[in-house]
């Protein structure tokens, strides 16, 4: 019955393409709008009738992205390390990076909604249910990975560099552009790397790899975890961060195995 309904609701190819372009346009508009606001607007607290109301106002010198940069400097930069401006437009580029990162972060829910609205009509009921169940764990895993980079990897790496520079008798300086680029790239890379179990679950859902295959190939999974850790790690901590990330991703591999078995069970139940 469900397949017949899907076939009866099929649209011409040009209609699908038009709808996809419309939804992609909505995502791009949100990206551009958030980028513009975070790059060119600040926030001022106005008191009215006893309430504190945040009011945006045009300001490129005290924008939202500038507040984020200051928070990065305050929380991530160790005492003794000096942040410098190497190239003329480095502070501007740093603000650009942060604005782009904020626009991506805020636009993700919109992108998920628009893409879901596009593909949902062509999915079976059990497929819709599984995808809905996967959205929250995917968001939690990305947030966990980004937080791990922000609170553990970056501070540890910068302290390591600071100590090493002092031992060598070198002035511990860092350009503002390199600092912001390092923080954001590590947060993004680690957040994506923590999606390891979700990637496994998706492959099982698509029936590319079975749960049994994931379980029997656990050695390759652990090897893959350490390869990913080696790729995304800063490479300046003597293997400490690489090993830590590798161990965490190895644990997440077995979480992915559990996800795969749960998905196969749900698929079997939906067919009964």
C-alpha atoms as a PDB file:
ATOM      1  CA  UNK A   1       0.000   0.000   0.000  1.00  0.00           C
ATOM      2  CA  UNK A   2       2.786   2.407   0.929  1.00  0.00           C
ATOM      3  CA  UNK A   3       4.717   1.770  -2.289  1.00  0.00           C
ATOM      4  CA  UNK A   4       1.548   2.307  -4.363  1.00  0.00           C
ATOM      5  CA  UNK A   5       0.962   5.653  -2.655  1.00  0.00           C
ATOM      6  CA  UNK A   6       4.547   6.714  -3.383  1.00  0.00           C
ATOM      7  CA  UNK A   7       4.210   5.770  -7.034  1.00  0.00           C
ATOM      8  CA  UNK A   8       0.911   7.668  -7.347  1.00  0.00           C
ATOM      9  CA  UNK A   9       2.532  10.770  -5.867  1.00  0.00           C
ATOM     10  CA  UNK A  10       5.541  10.737  -8.174  1.00  0.00           C
ATOM     11  CA  UNK A  11       6.318  14.065  -9.830  1.00  0.00           C
ATOM     12  CA  UNK A  12       8.121  14.850 -13.085  1.00  0.00           C
ATOM     13  CA  UNK A  13      11.915  15.129 -12.851  1.00  0.00           C
ATOM     14  CA  UNK A  14      11.848  18.869 -13.541  1.00  0.00           C
ATOM     15  CA  UNK A  15       9.532  19.356 -10.534  1.00  0.00           C
ATOM     16  CA  UNK A  16      12.008  17.544  -8.259  1.00  0.00           C
ATOM     17  CA  UNK A  17      14.907  19.631  -9.576  1.00  0.00           C
ATOM     18  CA  UNK A  18      12.932  22.866  -9.122  1.00  0.00           C
ATOM     19  CA  UNK A  19      11.990  21.921  -5.576  1.00  0.00           C
ATOM     20  CA  UNK A  20      15.576  20.950  -4.720  1.00  0.00           C
ATOM     21  CA  UNK A  21      16.904  24.259  -6.065  1.00  0.00           C
ATOM     22  CA  UNK A  22      14.265  26.145  -4.083  1.00  0.00           C
ATOM     23  CA  UNK A  23      15.273  24.402  -0.866  1.00  0.00           C
ATOM     24  CA  UNK A  24      18.993  24.888  -1.537  1.00  0.00           C
ATOM     25  CA  UNK A  25      18.286  28.572  -2.137  1.00  0.00           C
ATOM     26  CA  UNK A  26      16.599  28.812   1.259  1.00  0.00           C
ATOM     27  CA  UNK A  27      19.668  27.248   2.903  1.00  0.00           C
ATOM     28  CA  UNK A  28      22.027  29.645   1.108  1.00  0.00           C
ATOM     29  CA  UNK A  29      19.881  32.640   2.112  1.00  0.00           C
ATOM     30  CA  UNK A  30      20.094  31.621   5.779  1.00  0.00           C
ATOM     31  CA  UNK A  31      23.870  31.120   5.456  1.00  0.00           C
ATOM     32  CA  UNK A  32      24.335  34.551   3.870  1.00  0.00           C
ATOM     33  CA  UNK A  33      22.033  36.300   6.336  1.00  0.00           C
ATOM     34  CA  UNK A  34      23.663  34.819   9.445  1.00  0.00           C
ATOM     35  CA  UNK A  35      27.127  35.514   8.024  1.00  0.00           C
ATOM     36  CA  UNK A  36      26.243  39.160   7.322  1.00  0.00           C
ATOM     37  CA  UNK A  37      24.706  39.713  10.767  1.00  0.00           C
ATOM     38  CA  UNK A  38      27.574  38.066  12.669  1.00  0.00           C
ATOM     39  CA  UNK A  39      30.215  39.861  10.590  1.00  0.00           C
ATOM     40  CA  UNK A  40      28.701  43.376  10.475  1.00  0.00           C
ATOM     41  CA  UNK A  41      26.440  43.615  13.541  1.00  0.00           C
ATOM     42  CA  UNK A  42      27.054  43.794  17.248  1.00  0.00           C
ATOM     43  CA  UNK A  43      24.642  43.374  20.145  1.00  0.00           C
ATOM     44  CA  UNK A  44      23.839  46.049  22.673  1.00  0.00           C
ATOM     45  CA  UNK A  45      21.839  45.388  25.845  1.00  0.00           C
ATOM     46  CA  UNK A  46      19.028  47.899  26.253  1.00  0.00           C
ATOM     47  CA  UNK A  47      17.043  48.093  29.483  1.00  0.00           C
ATOM     48  CA  UNK A  48      13.334  48.632  28.995  1.00  0.00           C
ATOM     49  CA  UNK A  49      10.647  48.367  31.673  1.00  0.00           C
ATOM     50  CA  UNK A  50      13.043  46.477  33.911  1.00  0.00           C
ATOM     51  CA  UNK A  51      14.003  43.953  31.209  1.00  0.00           C
ATOM     52  CA  UNK A  52      17.371  43.578  29.497  1.00  0.00           C
ATOM     53  CA  UNK A  53      16.770  43.299  25.742  1.00  0.00           C
ATOM     54  CA  UNK A  54      19.582  42.448  23.289  1.00  0.00           C
ATOM     55  CA  UNK A  55      19.373  44.815  20.325  1.00  0.00           C
ATOM     56  CA  UNK A  56      21.526  44.328  17.187  1.00  0.00           C
ATOM     57  CA  UNK A  57      23.268  47.379  15.742  1.00  0.00           C
ATOM     58  CA  UNK A  58      25.638  47.843  12.768  1.00  0.00           C
ATOM     59  CA  UNK A  59      29.276  47.562  13.853  1.00  0.00           C
ATOM     60  CA  UNK A  60      32.175  45.897  12.100  1.00  0.00           C
ATOM     61  CA  UNK A  61      34.577  46.762  14.944  1.00  0.00           C
ATOM     62  CA  UNK A  62      32.513  45.206  17.715  1.00  0.00           C
ATOM     63  CA  UNK A  63      30.541  42.566  15.842  1.00  0.00           C
ATOM     64  CA  UNK A  64      29.215  39.225  17.066  1.00  0.00           C
ATOM     65  CA  UNK A  65      32.178  37.461  15.459  1.00  0.00           C
ATOM     66  CA  UNK A  66      34.528  39.780  17.365  1.00  0.00           C
ATOM     67  CA  UNK A  67      32.885  38.718  20.639  1.00  0.00           C
ATOM     68  CA  UNK A  68      33.465  35.077  19.700  1.00  0.00           C
ATOM     69  CA  UNK A  69      37.119  35.777  18.839  1.00  0.00           C
ATOM     70  CA  UNK A  70      37.611  37.462  22.221  1.00  0.00           C
ATOM     71  CA  UNK A  71      36.019  34.447  23.921  1.00  0.00           C
ATOM     72  CA  UNK A  72      38.416  32.142  22.049  1.00  0.00           C
ATOM     73  CA  UNK A  73      41.376  34.265  23.138  1.00  0.00           C
ATOM     74  CA  UNK A  74      40.210  34.399  26.762  1.00  0.00           C
ATOM     75  CA  UNK A  75      39.433  30.672  27.062  1.00  0.00           C
ATOM     76  CA  UNK A  76      41.981  29.040  24.763  1.00  0.00           C
ATOM     77  CA  UNK A  77      45.153  31.150  24.718  1.00  0.00           C
ATOM     78  CA  UNK A  78      47.503  30.216  27.593  1.00  0.00           C
ATOM     79  CA  UNK A  79      49.123  32.929  29.678  1.00  0.00           C
ATOM     80  CA  UNK A  80      52.530  33.773  28.289  1.00  0.00           C
ATOM     81  CA  UNK A  81      51.660  33.192  24.647  1.00  0.00           C
ATOM     82  CA  UNK A  82      51.446  36.431  22.679  1.00  0.00           C
ATOM     83  CA  UNK A  83      48.909  36.896  19.911  1.00  0.00           C
ATOM     84  CA  UNK A  84      50.238  39.087  17.092  1.00  0.00           C
ATOM     85  CA  UNK A  85      49.051  40.484  13.778  1.00  0.00           C
ATOM     86  CA  UNK A  86      51.412  39.187  11.072  1.00  0.00           C
ATOM     87  CA  UNK A  87      49.609  40.291   7.911  1.00  0.00           C
ATOM     88  CA  UNK A  88      47.620  43.496   7.489  1.00  0.00           C
ATOM     89  CA  UNK A  89      44.197  41.910   7.126  1.00  0.00           C
ATOM     90  CA  UNK A  90      44.611  38.954   9.506  1.00  0.00           C
ATOM     91  CA  UNK A  91      42.071  40.264  12.077  1.00  0.00           C
ATOM     92  CA  UNK A  92      39.556  40.766   9.261  1.00  0.00           C
ATOM     93  CA  UNK A  93      40.139  37.246   7.955  1.00  0.00           C
ATOM     94  CA  UNK A  94      39.783  35.876  11.493  1.00  0.00           C
ATOM     95  CA  UNK A  95      36.408  37.610  11.810  1.00  0.00           C
ATOM     96  CA  UNK A  96      35.476  36.192   8.402  1.00  0.00           C
ATOM     97  CA  UNK A  97      36.320  32.631   9.512  1.00  0.00           C
ATOM     98  CA  UNK A  98      34.290  32.947  12.698  1.00  0.00           C
ATOM     99  CA  UNK A  99      31.299  34.443  10.868  1.00  0.00           C
ATOM    100  CA  UNK A 100      31.379  31.612   8.352  1.00  0.00           C
ATOM    101  CA  UNK A 101      31.595  29.035  11.152  1.00  0.00           C
ATOM    102  CA  UNK A 102      28.630  30.625  12.961  1.00  0.00           C
ATOM    103  CA  UNK A 103      26.587  30.703   9.771  1.00  0.00           C
ATOM    104  CA  UNK A 104      27.284  27.008   9.168  1.00  0.00           C
ATOM    105  CA  UNK A 105      26.398  26.125  12.751  1.00  0.00           C
ATOM    106  CA  UNK A 106      23.109  28.047  12.759  1.00  0.00           C
ATOM    107  CA  UNK A 107      22.139  26.986   9.234  1.00  0.00           C
ATOM    108  CA  UNK A 108      22.490  23.250   9.961  1.00  0.00           C
ATOM    109  CA  UNK A 109      18.969  22.873  11.449  1.00  0.00           C
ATOM    110  CA  UNK A 110      17.533  24.722   8.450  1.00  0.00           C
ATOM    111  CA  UNK A 111      19.508  22.530   6.058  1.00  0.00           C
ATOM    112  CA  UNK A 112      18.348  19.371   7.841  1.00  0.00           C
ATOM    113  CA  UNK A 113      14.719  20.517   7.697  1.00  0.00           C
ATOM    114  CA  UNK A 114      14.859  21.499   4.011  1.00  0.00           C
ATOM    115  CA  UNK A 115      16.616  18.312   2.911  1.00  0.00           C
ATOM    116  CA  UNK A 116      14.275  16.225   5.027  1.00  0.00           C
ATOM    117  CA  UNK A 117      11.238  17.899   3.467  1.00  0.00           C
ATOM    118  CA  UNK A 118      12.686  17.106   0.038  1.00  0.00           C
ATOM    119  CA  UNK A 119      13.462  13.400   0.545  1.00  0.00           C
ATOM    120  CA  UNK A 120      10.734  12.442   3.052  1.00  0.00           C
ATOM    121  CA  UNK A 121       7.933  11.937   0.483  1.00  0.00           C
ATOM    122  CA  UNK A 122       9.998   9.229  -1.234  1.00  0.00           C
ATOM    123  CA  UNK A 123      10.777   7.229   1.901  1.00  0.00           C
ATOM    124  CA  UNK A 124       8.960   4.361   3.563  1.00  0.00           C
ATOM    125  CA  UNK A 125       7.478   4.870   7.005  1.00  0.00           C
ATOM    126  CA  UNK A 126      10.183   2.826   8.755  1.00  0.00           C
ATOM    127  CA  UNK A 127      12.897   4.732   6.848  1.00  0.00           C
ATOM    128  CA  UNK A 128      11.476   8.052   8.041  1.00  0.00           C
ATOM    129  CA  UNK A 129      11.403   6.784  11.609  1.00  0.00           C
ATOM    130  CA  UNK A 130      15.023   5.617  11.507  1.00  0.00           C
ATOM    131  CA  UNK A 131      16.249   8.904  10.049  1.00  0.00           C
ATOM    132  CA  UNK A 132      14.369  10.890  12.705  1.00  0.00           C
ATOM    133  CA  UNK A 133      15.959   8.729  15.394  1.00  0.00           C
ATOM    134  CA  UNK A 134      19.420   9.406  13.918  1.00  0.00           C
ATOM    135  CA  UNK A 135      19.195  13.212  13.889  1.00  0.00           C
ATOM    136  CA  UNK A 136      19.564  13.744  17.649  1.00  0.00           C
ATOM    137  CA  UNK A 137      22.514  11.303  18.131  1.00  0.00           C
ATOM    138  CA  UNK A 138      24.282  12.876  15.136  1.00  0.00           C
ATOM    139  CA  UNK A 139      23.946  16.341  16.668  1.00  0.00           C
ATOM    140  CA  UNK A 140      25.088  15.116  20.083  1.00  0.00           C
ATOM    141  CA  UNK A 141      28.129  13.362  18.595  1.00  0.00           C
ATOM    142  CA  UNK A 142      29.171  16.453  16.628  1.00  0.00           C
ATOM    143  CA  UNK A 143      28.737  18.676  19.701  1.00  0.00           C
ATOM    144  CA  UNK A 144      30.772  16.202  21.786  1.00  0.00           C
ATOM    145  CA  UNK A 145      33.580  16.181  19.222  1.00  0.00           C
ATOM    146  CA  UNK A 146      33.658  19.974  18.885  1.00  0.00           C
ATOM    147  CA  UNK A 147      33.611  20.377  22.683  1.00  0.00           C
ATOM    148  CA  UNK A 148      36.428  17.857  23.050  1.00  0.00           C
ATOM    149  CA  UNK A 149      38.537  19.900  20.638  1.00  0.00           C
ATOM    150  CA  UNK A 150      37.652  23.201  22.333  1.00  0.00           C
ATOM    151  CA  UNK A 151      38.166  22.156  25.937  1.00  0.00           C
ATOM    152  CA  UNK A 152      40.897  19.505  25.597  1.00  0.00           C
ATOM    153  CA  UNK A 153      42.818  19.440  22.308  1.00  0.00           C
ATOM    154  CA  UNK A 154      43.386  23.160  21.654  1.00  0.00           C
ATOM    155  CA  UNK A 155      44.352  24.194  25.239  1.00  0.00           C
ATOM    156  CA  UNK A 156      46.662  21.181  25.620  1.00  0.00           C
ATOM    157  CA  UNK A 157      48.294  21.793  22.237  1.00  0.00           C
ATOM    158  CA  UNK A 158      48.891  25.512  22.894  1.00  0.00           C
ATOM    159  CA  UNK A 159      50.339  24.838  26.356  1.00  0.00           C
ATOM    160  CA  UNK A 160      52.633  22.218  24.850  1.00  0.00           C
ATOM    161  CA  UNK A 161      53.840  24.711  22.208  1.00  0.00           C
ATOM    162  CA  UNK A 162      54.289  27.421  24.859  1.00  0.00           C
ATOM    163  CA  UNK A 163      56.462  25.195  27.081  1.00  0.00           C
ATOM    164  CA  UNK A 164      58.507  23.964  24.123  1.00  0.00           C
ATOM    165  CA  UNK A 165      59.080  27.514  22.861  1.00  0.00           C
ATOM    166  CA  UNK A 166      60.294  28.613  26.298  1.00  0.00           C
ATOM    167  CA  UNK A 167      62.684  25.653  26.490  1.00  0.00           C
ATOM    168  CA  UNK A 168      64.166  26.670  23.127  1.00  0.00           C
ATOM    169  CA  UNK A 169      64.356  30.300  24.220  1.00  0.00           C
ATOM    170  CA  UNK A 170      61.998  31.373  21.439  1.00  0.00           C
ATOM    171  CA  UNK A 171      59.390  34.093  21.843  1.00  0.00           C
ATOM    172  CA  UNK A 172      56.020  32.247  22.082  1.00  0.00           C
ATOM    173  CA  UNK A 173      53.982  34.187  19.520  1.00  0.00           C
ATOM    174  CA  UNK A 174      51.043  33.174  17.357  1.00  0.00           C
ATOM    175  CA  UNK A 175      49.291  35.070  14.586  1.00  0.00           C
ATOM    176  CA  UNK A 176      45.626  35.857  15.197  1.00  0.00           C
ATOM    177  CA  UNK A 177      44.644  34.331  11.864  1.00  0.00           C
ATOM    178  CA  UNK A 178      46.488  31.050  12.551  1.00  0.00           C
ATOM    179  CA  UNK A 179      45.019  30.906  16.062  1.00  0.00           C
ATOM    180  CA  UNK A 180      41.394  31.290  14.931  1.00  0.00           C
ATOM    181  CA  UNK A 181      41.924  28.969  11.971  1.00  0.00           C
ATOM    182  CA  UNK A 182      43.384  26.299  14.282  1.00  0.00           C
ATOM    183  CA  UNK A 183      40.548  26.496  16.806  1.00  0.00           C
ATOM    184  CA  UNK A 184      37.766  26.381  14.213  1.00  0.00           C
ATOM    185  CA  UNK A 185      39.345  23.706  11.989  1.00  0.00           C
ATOM    186  CA  UNK A 186      40.008  21.404  14.937  1.00  0.00           C
ATOM    187  CA  UNK A 187      36.470  21.851  16.257  1.00  0.00           C
ATOM    188  CA  UNK A 188      34.997  21.093  12.830  1.00  0.00           C
ATOM    189  CA  UNK A 189      37.312  18.151  12.116  1.00  0.00           C
ATOM    190  CA  UNK A 190      36.842  16.539  15.532  1.00  0.00           C
ATOM    191  CA  UNK A 191      33.081  17.076  15.426  1.00  0.00           C
ATOM    192  CA  UNK A 192      32.888  15.332  12.044  1.00  0.00           C
ATOM    193  CA  UNK A 193      35.240  12.554  13.210  1.00  0.00           C
ATOM    194  CA  UNK A 194      32.922  11.818  16.137  1.00  0.00           C
ATOM    195  CA  UNK A 195      30.217  10.958  13.578  1.00  0.00           C
ATOM    196  CA  UNK A 196      32.105   7.659  13.125  1.00  0.00           C
ATOM    197  CA  UNK A 197      29.275   5.485  14.538  1.00  0.00           C
ATOM    198  CA  UNK A 198      26.635   7.389  12.559  1.00  0.00           C
ATOM    199  CA  UNK A 199      28.518   6.708   9.311  1.00  0.00           C
ATOM    200  CA  UNK A 200      28.567   3.023  10.222  1.00  0.00           C
ATOM    201  CA  UNK A 201      24.844   3.077  11.007  1.00  0.00           C
ATOM    202  CA  UNK A 202      24.040   4.757   7.678  1.00  0.00           C
ATOM    203  CA  UNK A 203      26.017   2.128   5.736  1.00  0.00           C
ATOM    204  CA  UNK A 204      24.122  -0.599   7.582  1.00  0.00           C
ATOM    205  CA  UNK A 205      20.819   1.150   6.918  1.00  0.00           C
ATOM    206  CA  UNK A 206      21.693   1.306   3.201  1.00  0.00           C
ATOM    207  CA  UNK A 207      22.600  -2.415   3.425  1.00  0.00           C
ATOM    208  CA  UNK A 208      26.146  -1.783   2.267  1.00  0.00           C
ATOM    209  CA  UNK A 209      27.760  -3.286   5.384  1.00  0.00           C
ATOM    210  CA  UNK A 210      26.006  -5.640   7.804  1.00  0.00           C
ATOM    211  CA  UNK A 211      26.293  -5.409  11.579  1.00  0.00           C
ATOM    212  CA  UNK A 212      28.012  -8.795  11.604  1.00  0.00           C
ATOM    213  CA  UNK A 213      30.673  -7.469   9.194  1.00  0.00           C
ATOM    214  CA  UNK A 214      31.293  -4.454  11.431  1.00  0.00           C
ATOM    215  CA  UNK A 215      31.698  -6.753  14.417  1.00  0.00           C
ATOM    216  CA  UNK A 216      34.061  -9.196  12.686  1.00  0.00           C
ATOM    217  CA  UNK A 217      36.147  -6.349  11.248  1.00  0.00           C
ATOM    218  CA  UNK A 218      36.727  -4.578  14.559  1.00  0.00           C
ATOM    219  CA  UNK A 219      40.506  -4.635  14.088  1.00  0.00           C
ATOM    220  CA  UNK A 220      40.183  -2.639  10.875  1.00  0.00           C
ATOM    221  CA  UNK A 221      37.752  -0.324  12.654  1.00  0.00           C
ATOM    222  CA  UNK A 222      40.277   0.435  15.382  1.00  0.00           C
ATOM    223  CA  UNK A 223      42.983   0.949  12.769  1.00  0.00           C
ATOM    224  CA  UNK A 224      40.663   3.368  10.952  1.00  0.00           C
ATOM    225  CA  UNK A 225      40.021   5.187  14.234  1.00  0.00           C
ATOM    226  CA  UNK A 226      43.740   5.806  14.783  1.00  0.00           C
ATOM    227  CA  UNK A 227      44.243   6.829  11.148  1.00  0.00           C
ATOM    228  CA  UNK A 228      41.461   9.412  11.507  1.00  0.00           C
ATOM    229  CA  UNK A 229      43.009  10.557  14.800  1.00  0.00           C
ATOM    230  CA  UNK A 230      46.374  10.979  13.077  1.00  0.00           C
ATOM    231  CA  UNK A 231      44.796  12.994  10.250  1.00  0.00           C
ATOM    232  CA  UNK A 232      42.850  15.448  12.412  1.00  0.00           C
ATOM    233  CA  UNK A 233      45.319  15.828  15.281  1.00  0.00           C
ATOM    234  CA  UNK A 234      47.609  18.883  15.406  1.00  0.00           C
ATOM    235  CA  UNK A 235      50.712  16.691  15.474  1.00  0.00           C
ATOM    236  CA  UNK A 236      52.554  18.803  18.042  1.00  0.00           C
ATOM    237  CA  UNK A 237      51.929  16.873  21.249  1.00  0.00           C
ATOM    238  CA  UNK A 238      54.201  13.864  20.871  1.00  0.00           C
ATOM    239  CA  UNK A 239      51.369  11.447  20.138  1.00  0.00           C
ATOM    240  CA  UNK A 240      49.361  12.154  23.298  1.00  0.00           C
ATOM    241  CA  UNK A 241      46.390  13.805  21.584  1.00  0.00           C
ATOM    242  CA  UNK A 242      46.523  11.354  18.659  1.00  0.00           C
ATOM    243  CA  UNK A 243      46.352   8.396  21.067  1.00  0.00           C
ATOM    244  CA  UNK A 244      43.517   9.956  23.082  1.00  0.00           C
ATOM    245  CA  UNK A 245      41.417  10.658  19.989  1.00  0.00           C
ATOM    246  CA  UNK A 246      42.199   7.181  18.630  1.00  0.00           C
ATOM    247  CA  UNK A 247      41.001   5.509  21.840  1.00  0.00           C
ATOM    248  CA  UNK A 248      37.796   7.589  21.898  1.00  0.00           C
ATOM    249  CA  UNK A 249      37.055   6.819  18.227  1.00  0.00           C
ATOM    250  CA  UNK A 250      37.739   3.127  18.893  1.00  0.00           C
ATOM    251  CA  UNK A 251      35.098   3.191  21.633  1.00  0.00           C
ATOM    252  CA  UNK A 252      32.754   4.984  19.230  1.00  0.00           C
ATOM    253  CA  UNK A 253      33.387   2.219  16.687  1.00  0.00           C
ATOM    254  CA  UNK A 254      31.837  -0.325  19.052  1.00  0.00           C
ATOM    255  CA  UNK A 255      28.982   2.126  19.670  1.00  0.00           C
ATOM    256  CA  UNK A 256      28.526   2.079  15.891  1.00  0.00           C
ATOM    257  CA  UNK A 257      28.403  -1.729  15.954  1.00  0.00           C
ATOM    258  CA  UNK A 258      25.602  -1.527  18.518  1.00  0.00           C
ATOM    259  CA  UNK A 259      23.799   1.048  16.338  1.00  0.00           C
ATOM    260  CA  UNK A 260      24.121  -1.276  13.337  1.00  0.00           C
ATOM    261  CA  UNK A 261      22.579  -4.216  15.203  1.00  0.00           C
ATOM    262  CA  UNK A 262      19.750  -1.983  16.476  1.00  0.00           C
ATOM    263  CA  UNK A 263      19.032  -0.770  12.934  1.00  0.00           C
ATOM    264  CA  UNK A 264      18.925  -4.307  11.545  1.00  0.00           C
ATOM    265  CA  UNK A 265      16.490  -5.328  14.284  1.00  0.00           C
ATOM    266  CA  UNK A 266      14.224  -2.370  13.505  1.00  0.00           C
ATOM    267  CA  UNK A 267      14.308  -3.150   9.766  1.00  0.00           C
ATOM    268  CA  UNK A 268      13.339  -6.778  10.436  1.00  0.00           C
ATOM    269  CA  UNK A 269      10.473  -5.704  12.716  1.00  0.00           C
ATOM    270  CA  UNK A 270       9.170  -3.230  10.136  1.00  0.00           C
ATOM    271  CA  UNK A 271       8.935  -6.016   7.544  1.00  0.00           C
ATOM    272  CA  UNK A 272       6.782  -8.228   9.739  1.00  0.00           C
END
